[in-house]
């Protein structure tokens, strides 16, 4: 077994991909027919955006929106410069949740919410 994907059901796959490119520097890897699915180049585990309206035709789910409380999960990106990543995310439309903070175990961690309301952790790599 191998962890292959994290898929986020979003209102606009193109807007989500553009945000993650501008805010975090990820390149767009694969674009599906009519932008129903867009995948970012993020390393070993893929991050994909799926058109929420398309998914809703086949199954029920709780749509995440910026006006609701953050979901009980997050995606995390490791970086050597959390402050720079946090500032870039905010500059491109993210909403601040927690400013960069040094944790007792030595890691620096910050949180933002993306354009669709998903929780994103920005952190220094673990030891």
Foldseek 3Di string as FASTA:
>chain_A
DDQAEDEAAFQAQVLQQVLCCQLPVWAWDDADDPNQKTWTPDPRHIYMYGHNVVVVVPDDDDFFAQVDAEDPDAAEDADPDQQSSVVRSVVSPWAFDAHFDQDPQGKTWGWTAHRRGYIYIYIHDDD
